[in-house]
Amino acid sequence: MAYTSKYRMARISPTKARPVMDMIRGKRIDEAETILAMSKLRAAAMIKGVLASAVANADQAEANIRSLVITDARADAGPTMKRFQPKDRGRAHPILKRTSHLTIAVDSK
């Protein structure tokens, strides 16, 4: 049985979060935590919290934590906040503040 955790509306672009998800997909929990702790990317801190939540969900269901593997790690696009930056001669340029839905599922191997 897979144990999942989600972080919805995370204020980071999905294109910035996906490379970090790719680094940990298919790894054991202890390896993934080490990779996230050593990564300098901002998404790593957010994903680390989601991973800890998924492990806590598995622990609460009395699963063997030592045998857990990350089976699903996704960064889907969330809603985009639209803002405008004033420019010269009365013009306005759009700024798209993108959000993500981070999902991690762990399962025993």
Protein backbone atom coordinates (compact mmCIF):
# COMPACT_ATOMS: atom_id res chain seq x y z
CA MET A 1 0.00 0.00 0.00
CA ALA A 2 1.36 3.42 -0.97
CA TYR A 3 1.46 6.27 1.55
CA THR A 4 1.20 9.71 -0.01
CA SER A 5 1.71 13.29 1.04
CA LYS A 6 0.94 16.50 -0.86
CA TYR A 7 2.03 20.12 -0.64
CA ARG A 8 -0.50 22.12 -2.60
CA MET A 9 0.00 25.71 -3.81
CA ALA A 10 3.76 25.64 -3.12
CA ARG A 11 5.22 29.00 -4.22
CA ILE A 12 7.77 27.58 -6.61
CA SER A 13 7.61 26.96 -10.32
CA PRO A 14 7.08 23.32 -11.34
CA THR A 15 10.01 23.58 -13.75
CA LYS A 16 12.28 24.35 -10.80
CA ALA A 17 10.87 21.56 -8.62
CA ARG A 18 10.90 18.76 -11.22
CA PRO A 19 14.71 18.27 -11.36
CA VAL A 20 14.76 17.74 -7.59
CA MET A 21 11.91 15.23 -7.84
CA ASP A 22 13.83 13.41 -10.57
CA MET A 23 16.85 13.12 -8.25
CA ILE A 24 14.92 11.24 -5.53
CA ARG A 25 12.42 9.18 -7.53
CA GLY A 26 13.00 5.43 -7.01
CA LYS A 27 15.46 5.90 -4.12
CA ARG A 28 15.24 4.58 -0.58
CA ILE A 29 14.12 7.03 2.10
CA ASP A 30 17.52 7.45 3.76
CA GLU A 31 19.23 8.06 0.39
CA ALA A 32 16.58 10.61 -0.61
CA GLU A 33 16.91 12.50 2.69
CA THR A 34 20.68 12.71 2.20
CA ILE A 35 20.29 13.98 -1.36
CA LEU A 36 17.78 16.63 -0.27
CA ALA A 37 19.95 17.73 2.67
CA MET A 38 22.96 18.24 0.40
CA SER A 39 21.10 19.98 -2.41
CA LYS A 40 21.42 23.77 -2.66
CA LEU A 41 18.19 24.17 -4.61
CA ARG A 42 15.28 25.95 -2.90
CA ALA A 43 12.84 23.22 -3.91
CA ALA A 44 14.80 20.67 -1.88
CA ALA A 45 13.67 22.18 1.42
CA MET A 46 10.01 22.06 0.39
CA ILE A 47 10.27 18.51 -0.91
CA LYS A 48 12.08 17.40 2.25
CA GLY A 49 9.03 18.39 4.29
CA VAL A 50 6.67 16.52 1.96
CA LEU A 51 8.88 13.42 2.19
CA ALA A 52 8.91 13.62 6.00
CA SER A 53 5.11 13.82 5.98
CA ALA A 54 4.81 10.76 3.72
CA VAL A 55 7.16 8.79 6.01
CA ALA A 56 5.12 9.88 9.04
CA ASN A 57 1.95 8.68 7.31
CA ALA A 58 3.58 5.29 6.73
CA ASP A 59 4.82 5.17 10.32
CA GLN A 60 1.35 5.90 11.64
CA ALA A 61 0.00 2.98 9.61
CA GLU A 62 2.73 0.82 11.21
CA ALA A 63 4.67 0.14 8.01
CA ASN A 64 8.32 -0.91 8.05
CA ILE A 65 10.11 2.42 7.51
CA ARG A 66 13.49 0.86 6.68
CA SER A 67 12.08 -0.80 3.56
CA LEU A 68 10.28 2.25 2.14
CA VAL A 69 11.05 3.41 -1.40
CA ILE A 70 9.80 6.53 -3.18
CA THR A 71 7.46 5.20 -5.84
CA ASP A 72 5.93 8.45 -7.07
CA ALA A 73 7.39 11.96 -6.99
CA ARG A 74 5.60 14.63 -9.00
CA ALA A 75 5.57 18.42 -9.31
CA ASP A 76 2.36 19.40 -11.07
CA ALA A 77 1.40 22.95 -12.03
CA GLY A 78 -0.91 24.79 -9.67
CA PRO A 79 -2.77 28.05 -10.20
CA THR A 80 -0.79 31.02 -11.50
CA MET A 81 -1.02 34.39 -9.80
CA LYS A 82 -1.02 37.17 -12.37
CA ARG A 83 0.67 40.47 -11.47
CA PHE A 84 1.73 43.47 -13.57
CA GLN A 85 4.94 45.49 -13.59
CA PRO A 86 4.60 49.12 -14.71
CA LYS A 87 6.91 50.06 -17.58
CA ASP A 88 7.69 53.18 -19.53
CA ARG A 89 5.10 55.21 -21.45
CA GLY A 90 2.18 53.79 -19.46
CA ARG A 91 2.70 50.19 -20.46
CA ALA A 92 2.39 47.19 -18.16
CA HIS A 93 4.23 43.88 -18.45
CA PRO A 94 2.70 40.75 -16.94
CA ILE A 95 4.47 38.77 -14.21
CA LEU A 96 3.34 35.17 -13.74
CA LYS A 97 3.90 33.87 -10.22
CA ARG A 98 3.61 30.13 -10.67
CA THR A 99 2.68 27.60 -7.99
CA SER A 100 3.13 23.84 -7.76
CA HIS A 101 1.41 20.82 -6.29
CA LEU A 102 4.19 18.59 -4.89
CA THR A 103 3.22 14.92 -4.43
CA ILE A 104 5.33 12.11 -2.97
CA ALA A 105 4.24 8.49 -2.51
CA VAL A 106 6.28 5.89 -0.62
CA ASP A 107 5.75 2.15 -0.55
CA SER A 108 7.57 -0.83 0.93
CA LYS A 109 9.73 -2.74 -1.49
